[in-house]
Amino acid sequence: MLHLRLIVPTGRTDEVTDLLERTVGTAHLVVLPGVARDPVGDMVLCDVAREAGDELIGALRALGLDEYGSITVENMDLTLSARADRAEADAPGEGADAVLWEELTEATHDESTFSVTYVAFLAVATMLAACGVMLDNAILIVGAMAVGPEFGPLAGISTALVQRAPRLVWRSLLALIGGFAVAMVLTAGFAWLMDVLGLFDVGMIEADRPNTAFVWQPDWISFVVAFLAGIAGTLSLTSAKSGALIGVAISVTTVPAAANAAVAFSYSDYGQMTGSVQQLMANLGGIVLAGTLTLLAQKALWRAARNRDANVRPSARTAAGRRGGGG
């Protein structure tokens, strides 16, 4: 279930409550007259089944509530209520399959900001990966993958393409391209400093490196892994199972490839640099393609499921009513 907290100007409260009462899947409607101070108005509280949430939020925005009032949505971990159970049963579709597009857009918007914190995380992750490739240490590579924040802009691009939001596309591209550019420049400088200190040398970059050579040797498996990771990452975002994102992060070689490209450039090994950039592009492209196709599939499947359940469940309720009347 989702919990909605709405601030509504007093003159429009009846309009909003009528909408909530008409929406299948709502329960626990509460109106607190005159308690809101900024903006001034009434507070309206309501619970709604997750599978009905996206449609209801869209209808509230169509009324302009996000402009003249406010809409706050919270996920509820536990609701013990027979009315809530009936609301979830009546709402078409399944909550686990529902996508809250407003929530997804807002989340990816926040994660796709070209900020100091974002660049710092990406730069540190790339430097860690640089140590991993130079030492041929797979553990450092995995740690760097987990630290990297690049999945946010990638998910932002996929969401923006599906939602046809060009501003979010450009914002995400700026964070992605700008972030990697800054991180790779800083990592090249980091490699130069480590060389001056005697901690890196050209022999390390030219060594066989059996544990990390895959970073600059892209193949179709790299693309397939990135594609599968993109599917898993997108599903984890839309189903609010964010724990799966760690697994996604350590299954793709975006950060290590960027690190190897920067280090190889600093030692003028343009062959490794080219291979690393190709690996980076294959991973980024696979994730974006998978994320976009996954969201499109979820959108189509959700629409089909809602249409099916909308036709089946009224018939089931009618049959139940007849059985009850006959008793």
Protein backbone atom coordinates (compact mmCIF):
# COMPACT_ATOMS: atom_id res chain seq x y z
CA MET A 1 0.00 0.00 0.00
CA LEU A 2 0.93 3.64 -0.53
CA HIS A 3 0.09 6.47 1.84
CA LEU A 4 -0.90 9.81 0.30
CA ARG A 5 -0.69 13.08 2.21
CA LEU A 6 -2.34 15.91 0.30
CA ILE A 7 -2.60 19.62 1.06
CA VAL A 8 -5.67 21.03 -0.68
CA PRO A 9 -7.12 24.57 -0.71
CA THR A 10 -10.38 24.48 1.21
CA GLY A 11 -12.49 25.34 -1.81
CA ARG A 12 -11.25 22.32 -3.74
CA THR A 13 -11.31 19.67 -1.03
CA ASP A 14 -14.63 18.18 -2.18
CA GLU A 15 -13.26 17.82 -5.72
CA VAL A 16 -10.23 15.92 -4.47
CA THR A 17 -12.12 13.69 -2.03
CA ASP A 18 -14.66 12.81 -4.74
CA LEU A 19 -11.76 11.66 -6.92
CA LEU A 20 -10.30 9.57 -4.10
CA GLU A 21 -13.65 7.96 -3.33
CA ARG A 22 -14.21 7.08 -7.00
CA THR A 23 -10.76 5.51 -7.40
CA VAL A 24 -10.78 1.73 -7.09
CA GLY A 25 -8.14 0.60 -4.60
CA THR A 26 -8.35 3.43 -2.05
CA ALA A 27 -9.03 3.14 1.69
CA HIS A 28 -8.75 5.06 4.98
CA LEU A 29 -9.76 8.49 3.69
CA VAL A 30 -9.24 11.23 6.31
CA VAL A 31 -9.93 14.97 5.96
CA LEU A 32 -8.40 17.41 8.46
CA PRO A 33 -10.01 20.81 7.77
CA GLY A 34 -7.86 23.92 8.02
CA VAL A 35 -4.75 22.31 9.54
CA ALA A 36 -2.34 23.18 6.72
CA ARG A 37 -0.46 26.49 6.95
CA ASP A 38 1.97 26.41 3.99
CA PRO A 39 0.19 26.22 1.66
CA VAL A 40 -2.97 27.14 3.51
CA GLY A 41 -5.76 24.59 3.27
CA ASP A 42 -7.03 21.19 4.38
CA MET A 43 -4.97 18.05 4.81
CA VAL A 44 -6.34 14.94 3.12
CA LEU A 45 -4.91 11.53 4.00
CA CYS A 46 -5.55 8.36 2.06
CA ASP A 47 -4.11 4.89 1.49
CA VAL A 48 -4.11 3.38 -2.00
CA ALA A 49 -3.08 0.03 -3.41
CA ARG A 50 0.25 0.33 -5.24
CA GLU A 51 -1.31 -0.98 -8.46
CA ALA A 52 -3.75 1.96 -8.44
CA GLY A 53 -1.22 4.55 -7.30
CA ASP A 54 0.20 5.72 -10.63
CA GLU A 55 -3.24 6.37 -12.13
CA LEU A 56 -4.41 8.23 -9.02
CA ILE A 57 -1.28 10.40 -8.83
CA GLY A 58 -1.72 11.26 -12.50
CA ALA A 59 -5.34 12.25 -11.88
CA LEU A 60 -4.36 14.45 -8.93
CA ARG A 61 -1.76 16.19 -11.05
CA ALA A 62 -4.35 16.64 -13.78
CA LEU A 63 -6.42 18.57 -11.21
CA GLY A 64 -3.38 20.79 -10.66
CA LEU A 65 -2.91 19.74 -7.04
CA ASP A 66 0.87 19.73 -7.42
CA GLU A 67 0.62 23.42 -8.41
CA TYR A 68 -1.87 24.82 -5.89
CA GLY A 69 -1.29 22.32 -3.08
CA SER A 70 1.02 19.35 -2.54
CA ILE A 71 1.18 15.59 -3.08
CA THR A 72 3.36 13.42 -0.84
CA VAL A 73 3.58 9.66 -1.37
CA GLU A 74 5.10 7.17 1.06
CA ASN A 75 5.55 3.41 0.83
CA MET A 76 3.94 1.51 3.69
CA ASP A 77 5.73 -1.62 4.87
CA LEU A 78 2.81 -3.00 6.90
CA THR A 79 -0.93 -2.28 6.90
CA LEU A 80 -3.27 -4.40 9.01
CA SER A 81 -6.76 -3.60 7.79
CA ALA A 82 -9.58 -5.53 6.18
CA ARG A 83 -10.47 -2.42 4.15
CA ALA A 84 -6.91 -2.23 2.85
CA ASP A 85 -7.07 -5.89 1.88
CA ARG A 86 -10.28 -5.28 -0.05
CA ALA A 87 -8.78 -2.23 -1.75
CA GLU A 88 -5.82 -4.27 -2.95
CA ALA A 89 -8.13 -7.05 -4.12
CA ASP A 90 -10.33 -4.62 -6.06
CA ALA A 91 -7.48 -2.75 -7.76
CA PRO A 92 -6.64 -4.21 -11.19
CA GLY A 93 -3.17 -5.70 -11.58
CA GLU A 94 -0.59 -6.83 -9.05
CA GLY A 95 1.27 -4.44 -6.76
CA ALA A 96 4.62 -6.16 -7.38
CA ASP A 97 4.35 -5.38 -11.10
CA ALA A 98 3.15 -1.79 -10.75
CA VAL A 99 5.47 1.03 -11.84
CA LEU A 100 5.05 4.43 -10.21
CA TRP A 101 6.28 6.57 -13.09
CA GLU A 102 6.29 9.78 -11.08
CA GLU A 103 8.38 8.13 -8.36
CA LEU A 104 10.76 6.62 -10.91
CA THR A 105 11.18 9.91 -12.75
CA GLU A 106 11.85 11.76 -9.49
CA ALA A 107 14.34 9.15 -8.27
CA THR A 108 16.31 9.08 -11.51
CA HIS A 109 16.19 12.88 -11.68
CA ASP A 110 17.84 13.08 -8.25
CA GLU A 111 20.46 10.46 -9.18
CA SER A 112 21.26 12.18 -12.50
CA THR A 113 22.58 15.44 -11.12
CA PHE A 114 26.09 16.55 -12.10
CA SER A 115 27.04 17.45 -8.55
CA VAL A 116 30.29 17.59 -6.59
CA THR A 117 29.26 14.53 -4.57
CA TYR A 118 28.43 12.51 -7.70
CA VAL A 119 31.74 13.40 -9.37
CA ALA A 120 33.65 12.70 -6.15
CA PHE A 121 32.17 9.20 -5.83
CA LEU A 122 32.85 8.43 -9.48
CA ALA A 123 36.42 9.79 -9.32
CA VAL A 124 37.23 7.83 -6.16
CA ALA A 125 35.74 4.67 -7.68
CA THR A 126 37.82 5.15 -10.83
CA MET A 127 41.02 5.68 -8.81
CA LEU A 128 40.30 2.52 -6.81
CA ALA A 129 39.80 0.66 -10.07
CA ALA A 130 43.12 2.10 -11.33
CA CYS A 131 44.87 0.54 -8.35
CA GLY A 132 43.04 -2.71 -9.09
CA VAL A 133 44.09 -2.91 -12.74
CA MET A 134 47.69 -1.95 -12.01
CA LEU A 135 47.98 -4.54 -9.23
CA ASP A 136 45.84 -7.08 -11.15
CA ASN A 137 43.67 -7.28 -8.03
CA ALA A 138 40.10 -8.45 -8.67
CA ILE A 139 38.98 -7.52 -5.14
CA LEU A 140 39.83 -3.87 -5.72
CA ILE A 141 37.99 -3.99 -9.04
CA VAL A 142 34.84 -5.31 -7.36
CA GLY A 143 35.09 -2.66 -4.65
CA ALA A 144 35.42 0.08 -7.24
CA MET A 145 32.36 -1.24 -9.11
CA ALA A 146 30.30 -1.10 -5.92
CA VAL A 147 31.33 2.51 -5.19
CA GLY A 148 30.58 3.85 -8.68
CA PRO A 149 27.30 5.85 -8.91
CA GLU A 150 26.92 5.70 -12.70
CA PHE A 151 23.76 3.56 -12.78
CA GLY A 152 21.66 6.59 -11.75
CA PRO A 153 22.25 8.58 -14.97
CA LEU A 154 21.93 5.41 -17.06
CA ALA A 155 18.52 4.69 -15.51
CA GLY A 156 17.66 8.36 -15.99
CA ILE A 157 18.33 8.12 -19.73
CA SER A 158 16.15 5.01 -20.07
CA THR A 159 13.31 6.55 -18.04
CA ALA A 160 13.48 9.81 -19.98
CA LEU A 161 13.38 8.00 -23.34
CA VAL A 162 10.30 5.99 -22.33
CA GLN A 163 8.57 9.00 -20.77
CA ARG A 164 9.66 11.27 -23.64
CA ALA A 165 11.30 13.76 -21.30
CA PRO A 166 14.13 15.40 -23.29
CA ARG A 167 15.26 17.61 -20.42
CA LEU A 168 15.93 14.55 -18.25
CA VAL A 169 17.80 12.92 -21.16
CA TRP A 170 20.17 15.86 -21.45
CA ARG A 171 20.54 16.13 -17.68
CA SER A 172 21.44 12.44 -17.42
CA LEU A 173 23.82 12.61 -20.38
CA LEU A 174 25.58 15.58 -18.78
CA ALA A 175 26.02 13.69 -15.52
CA LEU A 176 27.18 10.54 -17.32
CA ILE A 177 29.58 12.03 -19.87
CA GLY A 178 30.76 14.90 -17.70
CA GLY A 179 31.24 12.66 -14.69
CA PHE A 180 33.31 10.08 -16.55
CA ALA A 181 35.35 12.80 -18.29
CA VAL A 182 36.28 14.46 -14.99
CA ALA A 183 36.90 11.12 -13.26
CA MET A 184 39.18 9.90 -16.05
CA VAL A 185 41.19 13.15 -16.13
CA LEU A 186 41.65 12.99 -12.36
CA THR A 187 42.60 9.32 -12.56
CA ALA A 188 45.21 10.05 -15.24
CA GLY A 189 46.67 12.66 -12.88
CA PHE A 190 46.47 10.15 -10.02
CA ALA A 191 48.42 7.61 -12.12
CA TRP A 192 51.09 10.21 -12.88
CA LEU A 193 51.42 11.01 -9.16
CA MET A 194 51.65 7.33 -8.25
CA ASP A 195 54.36 6.92 -10.87
CA VAL A 196 56.31 9.84 -9.41
CA LEU A 197 56.05 8.24 -5.98
CA GLY A 198 57.32 4.95 -7.39
CA LEU A 199 54.07 3.07 -6.69
CA PHE A 200 53.09 2.65 -10.37
CA ASP A 201 55.37 1.91 -13.33
CA VAL A 202 54.96 1.13 -17.01
CA GLY A 203 55.75 -2.55 -16.42
CA MET A 204 52.54 -2.91 -14.42
CA ILE A 205 50.34 -1.68 -17.26
CA GLU A 206 52.17 -3.84 -19.82
CA ALA A 207 52.05 -7.02 -17.71
CA ASP A 208 49.78 -9.95 -18.63
CA ARG A 209 47.35 -9.24 -15.76
CA PRO A 210 45.27 -12.44 -16.06
CA ASN A 211 42.69 -11.28 -13.47
CA THR A 212 41.90 -7.90 -15.04
CA ALA A 213 42.91 -8.09 -18.72
CA PHE A 214 39.22 -8.44 -19.62
CA VAL A 215 38.79 -4.75 -18.80
CA TRP A 216 40.40 -3.68 -22.08
CA GLN A 217 39.41 -6.71 -24.18
CA PRO A 218 35.70 -6.23 -24.98
CA ASP A 219 33.64 -8.96 -26.61
CA TRP A 220 29.99 -9.84 -27.05
CA ILE A 221 29.88 -11.40 -23.59
CA SER A 222 30.63 -7.96 -22.15
CA PHE A 223 27.59 -6.56 -23.91
CA VAL A 224 25.38 -9.48 -22.86
CA VAL A 225 26.40 -9.11 -19.20
CA ALA A 226 25.74 -5.36 -19.33
CA PHE A 227 22.34 -6.00 -20.95
CA LEU A 228 21.32 -8.50 -18.26
CA ALA A 229 22.58 -6.15 -15.54
CA GLY A 230 20.53 -3.34 -17.06
CA ILE A 231 17.38 -5.48 -16.84
CA ALA A 232 18.07 -6.39 -13.21
CA GLY A 233 18.88 -2.81 -12.26
CA THR A 234 15.74 -1.42 -13.86
CA LEU A 235 13.55 -4.03 -12.18
CA SER A 236 15.15 -3.23 -8.83
CA LEU A 237 14.26 0.44 -9.25
CA THR A 238 10.68 -0.07 -10.40
CA SER A 239 9.92 -2.65 -7.71
CA ALA A 240 11.69 -0.67 -4.94
CA LYS A 241 14.08 -3.58 -4.34
CA SER A 242 17.18 -1.38 -4.23
CA GLY A 243 19.30 -4.10 -2.65
CA ALA A 244 19.70 -5.71 -6.07
CA LEU A 245 21.57 -2.63 -7.31
CA ILE A 246 24.76 -3.76 -5.55
CA GLY A 247 24.73 -6.94 -7.62
CA VAL A 248 24.17 -4.88 -10.74
CA ALA A 249 27.05 -2.55 -9.89
CA ILE A 250 29.60 -5.33 -9.48
CA SER A 251 28.57 -7.17 -12.66
CA VAL A 252 29.49 -4.49 -15.21
CA THR A 253 32.91 -3.05 -16.05
CA THR A 254 32.12 0.61 -16.63
CA VAL A 255 34.33 2.07 -13.88
CA PRO A 256 37.24 -0.37 -14.36
CA ALA A 257 37.22 0.27 -18.11
CA ALA A 258 37.32 4.03 -17.53
CA ALA A 259 40.17 3.58 -15.05
CA ASN A 260 42.21 1.41 -17.40
CA ALA A 261 41.69 3.90 -20.23
CA ALA A 262 42.95 6.75 -18.04
CA VAL A 263 46.00 4.83 -16.80
CA ALA A 264 46.83 3.54 -20.29
CA PHE A 265 46.62 7.09 -21.64
CA SER A 266 48.99 8.33 -18.95
CA TYR A 267 51.55 5.72 -20.12
CA SER A 268 50.84 6.35 -23.84
CA ASP A 269 49.49 2.82 -24.35
CA TYR A 270 46.84 3.80 -26.87
CA GLY A 271 45.96 0.22 -27.75
CA GLN A 272 44.78 -0.53 -24.22
CA MET A 273 43.15 2.87 -24.03
CA THR A 274 41.12 2.19 -27.19
CA GLY A 275 40.07 -1.26 -25.99
CA SER A 276 39.06 0.14 -22.60
CA VAL A 277 36.95 2.87 -24.19
CA GLN A 278 35.24 0.26 -26.37
CA GLN A 279 34.54 -1.81 -23.25
CA LEU A 280 33.12 1.26 -21.52
CA MET A 281 30.84 2.13 -24.45
CA ALA A 282 29.63 -1.49 -24.80
CA ASN A 283 28.65 -1.58 -21.13
CA LEU A 284 26.97 1.83 -21.14
CA GLY A 285 25.07 1.03 -24.34
CA GLY A 286 23.96 -2.39 -23.10
CA ILE A 287 22.61 -0.99 -19.83
CA VAL A 288 20.70 1.86 -21.51
CA LEU A 289 19.23 -0.44 -24.16
CA ALA A 290 18.18 -3.02 -21.57
CA GLY A 291 16.72 -0.40 -19.25
CA THR A 292 14.68 1.19 -22.04
CA LEU A 293 13.34 -2.14 -23.34
CA THR A 294 12.53 -3.30 -19.79
CA LEU A 295 10.52 -0.17 -19.03
CA LEU A 296 8.67 -0.42 -22.35
CA ALA A 297 7.87 -4.08 -21.65
CA GLN A 298 6.69 -3.27 -18.12
CA LYS A 299 4.49 -0.50 -19.45
CA ALA A 300 2.87 -2.78 -22.05
CA LEU A 301 2.47 -5.77 -19.71
CA TRP A 302 1.02 -3.60 -16.95
CA ARG A 303 -1.55 -2.12 -19.32
CA ALA A 304 -2.55 -5.59 -20.52
CA ALA A 305 -2.78 -6.94 -16.95
CA ARG A 306 -4.94 -4.03 -15.80
CA ASN A 307 -7.29 -4.46 -18.75
CA ARG A 308 -7.58 -8.19 -18.07
CA ASP A 309 -8.19 -7.78 -14.34
CA ALA A 310 -10.66 -4.94 -14.91
CA ASN A 311 -12.77 -7.34 -16.97
CA VAL A 312 -12.36 -10.40 -14.74
CA ARG A 313 -12.74 -8.96 -11.24
CA PRO A 314 -16.16 -7.30 -11.68
CA SER A 315 -17.51 -10.65 -12.87
CA ALA A 316 -16.01 -12.39 -9.86
CA ARG A 317 -17.53 -9.82 -7.51
CA THR A 318 -20.94 -10.19 -9.17
CA ALA A 319 -20.81 -13.98 -8.79
CA ALA A 320 -19.81 -13.58 -5.14
CA GLY A 321 -22.71 -11.23 -4.60
CA ARG A 322 -25.15 -13.73 -6.09
CA ARG A 323 -23.85 -16.50 -3.87
CA GLY A 324 -24.17 -14.24 -0.86
CA GLY A 325 -27.72 -13.30 -1.82
CA GLY A 326 -28.72 -16.93 -2.19
CA GLY A 327 -27.55 -17.79 1.33
